[in-house]
C-alpha atoms as a PDB file:
ATOM      1  CA  UNK A   1      11.340-122.913 179.161  1.00  0.00           C
ATOM      2  CA  UNK A   2      12.892-124.000 175.947  1.00  0.00           C
ATOM      3  CA  UNK A   3      13.511-127.537 175.528  1.00  0.00           C
ATOM      4  CA  UNK A   4      15.842-128.889 172.666  1.00  0.00           C
ATOM      5  CA  UNK A   5      14.742-132.313 171.767  1.00  0.00           C
ATOM      6  CA  UNK A   6      16.251-134.974 169.955  1.00  0.00           C
ATOM      7  CA  UNK A   7      14.013-136.340 167.492  1.00  0.00           C
ATOM      8  CA  UNK A   8      10.549-135.531 166.006  1.00  0.00           C
ATOM      9  CA  UNK A   9       8.189-136.400 168.503  1.00  0.00           C
ATOM     10  CA  UNK A  10       8.224-135.808 172.009  1.00  0.00           C
ATOM     11  CA  UNK A  11       8.963-138.780 174.093  1.00  0.00           C
ATOM     12  CA  UNK A  12       9.215-137.368 177.618  1.00  0.00           C
ATOM     13  CA  UNK A  13       6.293-135.321 179.203  1.00  0.00           C
ATOM     14  CA  UNK A  14       7.225-132.056 180.772  1.00  0.00           C
ATOM     15  CA  UNK A  15       5.537-131.589 184.278  1.00  0.00           C
ATOM     16  CA  UNK A  16       5.216-128.389 186.010  1.00  0.00           C
ATOM     17  CA  UNK A  17       3.794-127.324 189.824  1.00  0.00           C
ATOM     18  CA  UNK A  18       4.446-124.320 191.309  1.00  0.00           C
ATOM     19  CA  UNK A  19       7.837-123.793 189.622  1.00  0.00           C
ATOM     20  CA  UNK A  20       8.952-127.053 189.818  1.00  0.00           C
ATOM     21  CA  UNK A  21       9.527-128.680 186.648  1.00  0.00           C
ATOM     22  CA  UNK A  22       9.996-132.735 186.105  1.00  0.00           C
ATOM     23  CA  UNK A  23       9.757-135.432 183.543  1.00  0.00           C
ATOM     24  CA  UNK A  24       7.884-138.557 183.232  1.00  0.00           C
ATOM     25  CA  UNK A  25       7.389-141.327 180.224  1.00  0.00           C
ATOM     26  CA  UNK A  26       3.524-141.512 179.296  1.00  0.00           C
ATOM     27  CA  UNK A  27       4.264-145.207 178.612  1.00  0.00           C
ATOM     28  CA  UNK A  28       4.910-145.735 182.254  1.00  0.00           C
ATOM     29  CA  UNK A  29       2.562-143.231 183.483  1.00  0.00           C
ATOM     30  CA  UNK A  30      -0.219-145.416 182.053  1.00  0.00           C
ATOM     31  CA  UNK A  31       1.416-148.642 184.658  1.00  0.00           C
ATOM     32  CA  UNK A  32      -1.071-147.278 187.492  1.00  0.00           C
ATOM     33  CA  UNK A  33       0.897-149.383 189.958  1.00  0.00           C
ATOM     34  CA  UNK A  34       3.889-147.461 189.714  1.00  0.00           C
ATOM     35  CA  UNK A  35       5.117-143.997 190.138  1.00  0.00           C
ATOM     36  CA  UNK A  36       8.173-142.553 188.387  1.00  0.00           C
ATOM     37  CA  UNK A  37       9.963-139.481 187.419  1.00  0.00           C
ATOM     38  CA  UNK A  38      12.961-137.498 186.621  1.00  0.00           C
ATOM     39  CA  UNK A  39      14.131-134.142 188.153  1.00  0.00           C
ATOM     40  CA  UNK A  40      15.089-131.108 186.314  1.00  0.00           C
ATOM     41  CA  UNK A  41      16.983-128.030 187.820  1.00  0.00           C
ATOM     42  CA  UNK A  42      13.845-126.303 188.461  1.00  0.00           C
ATOM     43  CA  UNK A  43      11.916-125.372 191.553  1.00  0.00           C
ATOM     44  CA  UNK A  44      14.357-126.257 194.296  1.00  0.00           C
ATOM     45  CA  UNK A  45      16.308-124.034 196.709  1.00  0.00           C
ATOM     46  CA  UNK A  46      19.884-124.433 196.102  1.00  0.00           C
ATOM     47  CA  UNK A  47      21.874-121.557 195.034  1.00  0.00           C
ATOM     48  CA  UNK A  48      25.064-120.855 192.842  1.00  0.00           C
ATOM     49  CA  UNK A  49      26.138-123.458 190.252  1.00  0.00           C
ATOM     50  CA  UNK A  50      23.701-125.948 192.415  1.00  0.00           C
ATOM     51  CA  UNK A  51      20.575-123.964 191.623  1.00  0.00           C
ATOM     52  CA  UNK A  52      18.119-125.061 192.256  1.00  0.00           C
ATOM     53  CA  UNK A  53      17.088-128.400 192.574  1.00  0.00           C
ATOM     54  CA  UNK A  54      20.183-130.138 193.360  1.00  0.00           C
ATOM     55  CA  UNK A  55      19.347-133.717 194.535  1.00  0.00           C
ATOM     56  CA  UNK A  56      22.883-134.428 196.067  1.00  0.00           C
ATOM     57  CA  UNK A  57      24.505-134.631 199.495  1.00  0.00           C
ATOM     58  CA  UNK A  58      27.945-134.842 198.136  1.00  0.00           C
ATOM     59  CA  UNK A  59      28.338-131.557 195.946  1.00  0.00           C
ATOM     60  CA  UNK A  60      28.925-129.342 198.552  1.00  0.00           C
ATOM     61  CA  UNK A  61      25.292-127.978 198.963  1.00  0.00           C
ATOM     62  CA  UNK A  62      23.655-127.027 202.563  1.00  0.00           C
ATOM     63  CA  UNK A  63      21.974-130.351 203.664  1.00  0.00           C
ATOM     64  CA  UNK A  64      18.912-128.717 204.512  1.00  0.00           C
ATOM     65  CA  UNK A  65      18.832-127.359 201.038  1.00  0.00           C
ATOM     66  CA  UNK A  66      19.030-130.950 199.596  1.00  0.00           C
ATOM     67  CA  UNK A  67      16.513-132.515 202.144  1.00  0.00           C
ATOM     68  CA  UNK A  68      13.957-129.564 200.979  1.00  0.00           C
ATOM     69  CA  UNK A  69      14.551-130.106 197.396  1.00  0.00           C
ATOM     70  CA  UNK A  70      13.654-133.801 197.938  1.00  0.00           C
ATOM     71  CA  UNK A  71      10.595-132.818 200.059  1.00  0.00           C
ATOM     72  CA  UNK A  72       9.834-130.597 197.227  1.00  0.00           C
ATOM     73  CA  UNK A  73      10.416-133.189 194.250  1.00  0.00           C
ATOM     74  CA  UNK A  74       8.451-136.191 196.438  1.00  0.00           C
ATOM     75  CA  UNK A  75       5.371-133.952 196.732  1.00  0.00           C
ATOM     76  CA  UNK A  76       5.361-133.214 192.864  1.00  0.00           C
ATOM     77  CA  UNK A  77       5.756-136.889 192.055  1.00  0.00           C
ATOM     78  CA  UNK A  78       3.870-138.403 194.650  1.00  0.00           C
ATOM     79  CA  UNK A  79       6.269-140.418 197.289  1.00  0.00           C
ATOM     80  CA  UNK A  80       7.560-139.751 200.579  1.00  0.00           C
ATOM     81  CA  UNK A  81      11.391-138.913 200.904  1.00  0.00           C
ATOM     82  CA  UNK A  82      11.429-141.235 203.999  1.00  0.00           C
ATOM     83  CA  UNK A  83      10.643-144.212 201.395  1.00  0.00           C
ATOM     84  CA  UNK A  84      13.664-143.528 199.205  1.00  0.00           C
ATOM     85  CA  UNK A  85      16.534-145.831 198.843  1.00  0.00           C
ATOM     86  CA  UNK A  86      19.380-144.450 197.358  1.00  0.00           C
ATOM     87  CA  UNK A  87      22.244-146.310 195.283  1.00  0.00           C
ATOM     88  CA  UNK A  88      26.003-146.001 195.718  1.00  0.00           C
ATOM     89  CA  UNK A  89      27.398-145.356 192.309  1.00  0.00           C
ATOM     90  CA  UNK A  90      30.675-146.270 191.217  1.00  0.00           C
ATOM     91  CA  UNK A  91      30.203-147.428 187.668  1.00  0.00           C
ATOM     92  CA  UNK A  92      29.884-150.764 188.432  1.00  0.00           C
ATOM     93  CA  UNK A  93      27.511-153.474 186.981  1.00  0.00           C
ATOM     94  CA  UNK A  94      26.361-154.491 190.362  1.00  0.00           C
ATOM     95  CA  UNK A  95      22.609-154.686 191.140  1.00  0.00           C
ATOM     96  CA  UNK A  96      21.135-154.929 194.793  1.00  0.00           C
ATOM     97  CA  UNK A  97      17.926-156.436 195.454  1.00  0.00           C
ATOM     98  CA  UNK A  98      16.363-153.952 197.670  1.00  0.00           C
ATOM     99  CA  UNK A  99      14.196-155.249 200.486  1.00  0.00           C
ATOM    100  CA  UNK A 100      11.828-153.563 203.586  1.00  0.00           C
ATOM    101  CA  UNK A 101      15.259-153.346 205.309  1.00  0.00           C
ATOM    102  CA  UNK A 102      16.488-150.859 203.111  1.00  0.00           C
ATOM    103  CA  UNK A 103      14.036-147.989 203.385  1.00  0.00           C
ATOM    104  CA  UNK A 104      15.575-144.830 204.084  1.00  0.00           C
ATOM    105  CA  UNK A 105      18.884-145.913 203.288  1.00  0.00           C
ATOM    106  CA  UNK A 106      20.674-142.821 201.746  1.00  0.00           C
ATOM    107  CA  UNK A 107      18.382-140.277 202.881  1.00  0.00           C
ATOM    108  CA  UNK A 108      17.362-140.966 206.672  1.00  0.00           C
ATOM    109  CA  UNK A 109      20.138-143.762 207.404  1.00  0.00           C
ATOM    110  CA  UNK A 110      23.513-144.419 206.097  1.00  0.00           C
ATOM    111  CA  UNK A 111      23.854-146.836 203.431  1.00  0.00           C
ATOM    112  CA  UNK A 112      25.365-150.220 204.519  1.00  0.00           C
ATOM    113  CA  UNK A 113      26.329-151.201 201.258  1.00  0.00           C
ATOM    114  CA  UNK A 114      28.907-149.503 198.584  1.00  0.00           C
ATOM    115  CA  UNK A 115      29.361-149.994 194.627  1.00  0.00           C
ATOM    116  CA  UNK A 116      25.538-150.217 193.883  1.00  0.00           C
ATOM    117  CA  UNK A 117      24.579-148.797 189.992  1.00  0.00           C
ATOM    118  CA  UNK A 118      21.599-150.895 189.999  1.00  0.00           C
ATOM    119  CA  UNK A 119      18.565-151.487 192.014  1.00  0.00           C
ATOM    120  CA  UNK A 120      15.423-154.101 191.744  1.00  0.00           C
ATOM    121  CA  UNK A 121      12.686-154.236 194.391  1.00  0.00           C
ATOM    122  CA  UNK A 122       9.340-155.966 194.534  1.00  0.00           C
ATOM    123  CA  UNK A 123       8.355-153.926 197.780  1.00  0.00           C
ATOM    124  CA  UNK A 124       5.410-151.448 197.613  1.00  0.00           C
ATOM    125  CA  UNK A 125       6.284-148.345 198.841  1.00  0.00           C
ATOM    126  CA  UNK A 126      10.001-148.221 198.516  1.00  0.00           C
ATOM    127  CA  UNK A 127      11.115-145.872 195.646  1.00  0.00           C
ATOM    128  CA  UNK A 128      14.353-146.408 193.933  1.00  0.00           C
ATOM    129  CA  UNK A 129      16.508-143.173 193.487  1.00  0.00           C
ATOM    130  CA  UNK A 130      19.622-143.272 191.383  1.00  0.00           C
ATOM    131  CA  UNK A 131      21.715-140.050 190.501  1.00  0.00           C
ATOM    132  CA  UNK A 132      22.928-138.482 187.297  1.00  0.00           C
ATOM    133  CA  UNK A 133      24.194-135.166 185.515  1.00  0.00           C
ATOM    134  CA  UNK A 134      25.214-137.019 181.965  1.00  0.00           C
ATOM    135  CA  UNK A 135      25.117-140.940 182.525  1.00  0.00           C
ATOM    136  CA  UNK A 136      22.110-142.812 181.398  1.00  0.00           C
ATOM    137  CA  UNK A 137      19.101-143.665 183.834  1.00  0.00           C
ATOM    138  CA  UNK A 138      17.224-147.335 182.930  1.00  0.00           C
ATOM    139  CA  UNK A 139      14.132-147.536 184.281  1.00  0.00           C
ATOM    140  CA  UNK A 140      12.344-151.275 184.580  1.00  0.00           C
ATOM    141  CA  UNK A 141       8.886-151.930 185.048  1.00  0.00           C
ATOM    142  CA  UNK A 142       7.132-155.315 185.277  1.00  0.00           C
ATOM    143  CA  UNK A 143       3.304-154.421 185.539  1.00  0.00           C
ATOM    144  CA  UNK A 144       3.032-158.513 185.759  1.00  0.00           C
ATOM    145  CA  UNK A 145       5.227-159.258 188.773  1.00  0.00           C
ATOM    146  CA  UNK A 146       4.901-156.093 190.031  1.00  0.00           C
ATOM    147  CA  UNK A 147       8.361-155.524 190.348  1.00  0.00           C
ATOM    148  CA  UNK A 148      10.601-152.385 189.344  1.00  0.00           C
ATOM    149  CA  UNK A 149      14.578-152.012 188.475  1.00  0.00           C
ATOM    150  CA  UNK A 150      16.646-148.585 188.171  1.00  0.00           C
ATOM    151  CA  UNK A 151      20.112-148.616 187.081  1.00  0.00           C
ATOM    152  CA  UNK A 152      22.794-145.824 186.433  1.00  0.00           C
ATOM    153  CA  UNK A 153      24.621-146.604 182.911  1.00  0.00           C
ATOM    154  CA  UNK A 154      27.520-144.663 182.465  1.00  0.00           C
ATOM    155  CA  UNK A 155      30.087-145.818 179.472  1.00  0.00           C
ATOM    156  CA  UNK A 156      31.643-148.096 181.970  1.00  0.00           C
ATOM    157  CA  UNK A 157      28.037-149.549 183.118  1.00  0.00           C
ATOM    158  CA  UNK A 158      27.323-149.655 179.576  1.00  0.00           C
ATOM    159  CA  UNK A 159      30.222-151.592 178.716  1.00  0.00           C
ATOM    160  CA  UNK A 160      29.536-154.272 181.370  1.00  0.00           C
ATOM    161  CA  UNK A 161      25.621-154.195 180.378  1.00  0.00           C
ATOM    162  CA  UNK A 162      24.231-153.129 183.521  1.00  0.00           C
ATOM    163  CA  UNK A 163      20.739-153.087 181.964  1.00  0.00           C
ATOM    164  CA  UNK A 164      21.131-156.650 181.014  1.00  0.00           C
ATOM    165  CA  UNK A 165      22.521-157.802 184.310  1.00  0.00           C
ATOM    166  CA  UNK A 166      19.314-155.634 185.898  1.00  0.00           C
ATOM    167  CA  UNK A 167      16.747-157.640 184.026  1.00  0.00           C
ATOM    168  CA  UNK A 168      18.675-160.762 184.643  1.00  0.00           C
ATOM    169  CA  UNK A 169      18.312-160.186 188.319  1.00  0.00           C
ATOM    170  CA  UNK A 170      14.354-159.238 188.102  1.00  0.00           C
ATOM    171  CA  UNK A 171      14.181-162.691 186.196  1.00  0.00           C
ATOM    172  CA  UNK A 172      15.871-164.631 189.018  1.00  0.00           C
ATOM    173  CA  UNK A 173      14.445-162.629 191.842  1.00  0.00           C
ATOM    174  CA  UNK A 174      10.808-162.199 191.082  1.00  0.00           C
ATOM    175  CA  UNK A 175      10.280-164.440 188.007  1.00  0.00           C
ATOM    176  CA  UNK A 176      10.008-161.783 185.708  1.00  0.00           C
ATOM    177  CA  UNK A 177       9.714-161.962 181.961  1.00  0.00           C
ATOM    178  CA  UNK A 178      11.603-160.074 179.451  1.00  0.00           C
ATOM    179  CA  UNK A 179       8.789-160.143 177.408  1.00  0.00           C
ATOM    180  CA  UNK A 180       6.693-158.315 180.131  1.00  0.00           C
ATOM    181  CA  UNK A 181       9.350-155.382 181.185  1.00  0.00           C
ATOM    182  CA  UNK A 182       8.669-152.025 180.162  1.00  0.00           C
ATOM    183  CA  UNK A 183      12.144-150.243 179.839  1.00  0.00           C
ATOM    184  CA  UNK A 184      12.737-146.509 179.558  1.00  0.00           C
ATOM    185  CA  UNK A 185      16.127-144.833 178.749  1.00  0.00           C
ATOM    186  CA  UNK A 186      16.394-141.682 180.669  1.00  0.00           C
ATOM    187  CA  UNK A 187      17.742-138.021 179.807  1.00  0.00           C
ATOM    188  CA  UNK A 188      21.064-138.149 179.616  1.00  0.00           C
ATOM    189  CA  UNK A 189      24.325-137.114 177.208  1.00  0.00           C
ATOM    190  CA  UNK A 190      23.617-137.335 173.357  1.00  0.00           C
ATOM    191  CA  UNK A 191      25.769-138.832 170.726  1.00  0.00           C
ATOM    192  CA  UNK A 192      26.281-135.270 169.217  1.00  0.00           C
ATOM    193  CA  UNK A 193      27.531-134.185 172.808  1.00  0.00           C
ATOM    194  CA  UNK A 194      29.567-137.003 173.910  1.00  0.00           C
ATOM    195  CA  UNK A 195      33.008-137.081 172.366  1.00  0.00           C
ATOM    196  CA  UNK A 196      35.133-139.833 173.942  1.00  0.00           C
ATOM    197  CA  UNK A 197      39.016-141.061 173.008  1.00  0.00           C
ATOM    198  CA  UNK A 198      40.262-144.228 171.230  1.00  0.00           C
ATOM    199  CA  UNK A 199      40.459-146.083 174.769  1.00  0.00           C
ATOM    200  CA  UNK A 200      36.795-145.847 175.382  1.00  0.00           C
ATOM    201  CA  UNK A 201      36.215-147.481 171.894  1.00  0.00           C
ATOM    202  CA  UNK A 202      38.675-150.186 172.428  1.00  0.00           C
ATOM    203  CA  UNK A 203      36.524-151.116 175.984  1.00  0.00           C
ATOM    204  CA  UNK A 204      33.884-151.503 173.926  1.00  0.00           C
ATOM    205  CA  UNK A 205      34.989-154.010 171.364  1.00  0.00           C
ATOM    206  CA  UNK A 206      35.154-156.682 174.001  1.00  0.00           C
ATOM    207  CA  UNK A 207      31.132-156.311 174.400  1.00  0.00           C
ATOM    208  CA  UNK A 208      29.792-155.184 171.095  1.00  0.00           C
ATOM    209  CA  UNK A 209      30.006-156.857 167.843  1.00  0.00           C
ATOM    210  CA  UNK A 210      31.196-154.921 164.491  1.00  0.00           C
ATOM    211  CA  UNK A 211      27.809-153.947 163.490  1.00  0.00           C
ATOM    212  CA  UNK A 212      26.562-152.637 166.708  1.00  0.00           C
ATOM    213  CA  UNK A 213      29.917-150.706 167.050  1.00  0.00           C
ATOM    214  CA  UNK A 214      29.341-149.130 163.782  1.00  0.00           C
ATOM    215  CA  UNK A 215      25.463-148.132 165.071  1.00  0.00           C
ATOM    216  CA  UNK A 216      26.926-146.639 168.510  1.00  0.00           C
ATOM    217  CA  UNK A 217      30.536-144.862 167.604  1.00  0.00           C
ATOM    218  CA  UNK A 218      30.825-142.305 164.937  1.00  0.00           C
ATOM    219  CA  UNK A 219      34.818-141.392 163.979  1.00  0.00           C
ATOM    220  CA  UNK A 220      35.797-137.651 163.953  1.00  0.00           C
ATOM    221  CA  UNK A 221      38.637-136.022 162.341  1.00  0.00           C
ATOM    222  CA  UNK A 222      40.512-135.190 165.313  1.00  0.00           C
ATOM    223  CA  UNK A 223      41.291-139.117 166.173  1.00  0.00           C
ATOM    224  CA  UNK A 224      38.256-139.115 168.516  1.00  0.00           C
ATOM    225  CA  UNK A 225      34.411-140.644 168.572  1.00  0.00           C
ATOM    226  CA  UNK A 226      31.162-139.481 169.036  1.00  0.00           C
ATOM    227  CA  UNK A 227      29.672-142.274 171.362  1.00  0.00           C
ATOM    228  CA  UNK A 228      25.910-142.780 171.473  1.00  0.00           C
ATOM    229  CA  UNK A 229      24.957-144.454 174.689  1.00  0.00           C
ATOM    230  CA  UNK A 230      21.358-144.277 174.001  1.00  0.00           C
ATOM    231  CA  UNK A 231      21.682-146.501 171.098  1.00  0.00           C
ATOM    232  CA  UNK A 232      23.891-148.920 173.131  1.00  0.00           C
ATOM    233  CA  UNK A 233      21.531-149.089 175.884  1.00  0.00           C
ATOM    234  CA  UNK A 234      19.000-149.981 173.294  1.00  0.00           C
ATOM    235  CA  UNK A 235      21.104-152.778 171.951  1.00  0.00           C
ATOM    236  CA  UNK A 236      21.366-154.111 175.378  1.00  0.00           C
ATOM    237  CA  UNK A 237      17.997-154.019 176.528  1.00  0.00           C
ATOM    238  CA  UNK A 238      16.979-155.960 173.175  1.00  0.00           C
ATOM    239  CA  UNK A 239      20.055-158.624 173.881  1.00  0.00           C
ATOM    240  CA  UNK A 240      18.213-158.995 177.575  1.00  0.00           C
ATOM    241  CA  UNK A 241      14.880-159.958 175.983  1.00  0.00           C
ATOM    242  CA  UNK A 242      12.751-156.915 176.182  1.00  0.00           C
ATOM    243  CA  UNK A 243      10.786-156.186 173.265  1.00  0.00           C
ATOM    244  CA  UNK A 244      11.724-153.350 170.632  1.00  0.00           C
ATOM    245  CA  UNK A 245       8.168-151.716 171.264  1.00  0.00           C
ATOM    246  CA  UNK A 246       8.740-151.809 175.232  1.00  0.00           C
ATOM    247  CA  UNK A 247      11.800-149.658 174.859  1.00  0.00           C
ATOM    248  CA  UNK A 248      11.104-145.733 175.213  1.00  0.00           C
ATOM    249  CA  UNK A 249      14.242-143.805 174.481  1.00  0.00           C
ATOM    250  CA  UNK A 250      14.758-140.269 175.845  1.00  0.00           C
ATOM    251  CA  UNK A 251      14.825-137.399 173.257  1.00  0.00           C
ATOM    252  CA  UNK A 252      16.391-135.151 175.881  1.00  0.00           C
ATOM    253  CA  UNK A 253      19.849-134.757 176.115  1.00  0.00           C
ATOM    254  CA  UNK A 254      21.550-133.109 179.506  1.00  0.00           C
ATOM    255  CA  UNK A 255      24.365-131.352 177.750  1.00  0.00           C
ATOM    256  CA  UNK A 256      22.169-129.887 174.958  1.00  0.00           C
ATOM    257  CA  UNK A 257      19.674-128.430 177.966  1.00  0.00           C
ATOM    258  CA  UNK A 258      22.463-127.926 180.388  1.00  0.00           C
ATOM    259  CA  UNK A 259      20.303-124.586 181.624  1.00  0.00           C
ATOM    260  CA  UNK A 260      17.349-127.024 182.451  1.00  0.00           C
ATOM    261  CA  UNK A 261      19.308-130.484 183.446  1.00  0.00           C
ATOM    262  CA  UNK A 262      22.545-130.346 185.318  1.00  0.00           C
ATOM    263  CA  UNK A 263      25.414-131.741 182.829  1.00  0.00           C
ATOM    264  CA  UNK A 264      28.883-132.549 184.157  1.00  0.00           C
ATOM    265  CA  UNK A 265      30.632-132.014 180.582  1.00  0.00           C
ATOM    266  CA  UNK A 266      28.602-128.861 179.865  1.00  0.00           C
ATOM    267  CA  UNK A 267      29.407-127.272 183.302  1.00  0.00           C
ATOM    268  CA  UNK A 268      32.969-128.690 183.620  1.00  0.00           C
ATOM    269  CA  UNK A 269      32.131-130.666 186.713  1.00  0.00           C
ATOM    270  CA  UNK A 270      30.425-127.497 188.402  1.00  0.00           C
ATOM    271  CA  UNK A 271      26.984-128.808 188.678  1.00  0.00           C
ATOM    272  CA  UNK A 272      24.545-130.593 191.014  1.00  0.00           C
ATOM    273  CA  UNK A 273      22.805-133.897 190.444  1.00  0.00           C
ATOM    274  CA  UNK A 274      19.457-134.756 188.699  1.00  0.00           C
ATOM    275  CA  UNK A 275      17.787-137.948 190.099  1.00  0.00           C
ATOM    276  CA  UNK A 276      15.414-140.540 188.790  1.00  0.00           C
ATOM    277  CA  UNK A 277      12.757-141.984 190.899  1.00  0.00           C
ATOM    278  CA  UNK A 278      10.866-145.361 190.284  1.00  0.00           C
ATOM    279  CA  UNK A 279       8.791-147.040 192.974  1.00  0.00           C
ATOM    280  CA  UNK A 280       5.524-149.474 193.315  1.00  0.00           C
ATOM    281  CA  UNK A 281       2.437-147.927 194.971  1.00  0.00           C
ATOM    282  CA  UNK A 282       1.087-149.698 198.093  1.00  0.00           C
END
């Protein structure tokens, strides 16, 4: 198992147990009131292009395979699948306040909400789950108010600054202070792998100033651009008031590590889903 890392120093920890591999941030592991993790392709029971740790019921997998995968990743990270609350991702900046009444929605129960790309909670025992195959996971931990947030930020969510919306929701709902929040930008496609067309750059022009545009876009000779979603989301988190030293940026690209992580771009859509998990311990 050879990981291709972006950067000189490892940021994410690679954990392994009985063939199942998952990723964690040491900085978030230090917050013992919280449980978190990010899945890989390894250690599940799904087959073919979904092999093996597919965590999606909507990719054509056997539902019992998916449930067994959730049971396995739950045992590894430290949660019961019955405590999960799923997002309903459609590339919005909508953030849902998750309560005890949402326990099990998406896993045990149908979701009675749509268009939810971010979630926040302060309920111990619940575990938020969002899903990925190149887009950016955003983790938010407030150890002072014991509140958590988890969001999905593709390029559309990044233009809409869902990271900032998530922080503002935590401020409003739980009186979180941005300076207390720890934020992590999770495994996703890196700038060197993410080529986009000019219309995507045009969409960003309305949300970012000229200096920021120079940091997050690199022009190519073919008239397209390389987009750095990691840097774009880091700038958004700074704008939201999170301290620079409280932002932890992934060093693992889904596309560079397509044998270990599902990547929509590398697989041309023939893939399963990874999942990010974040909850508050009881």
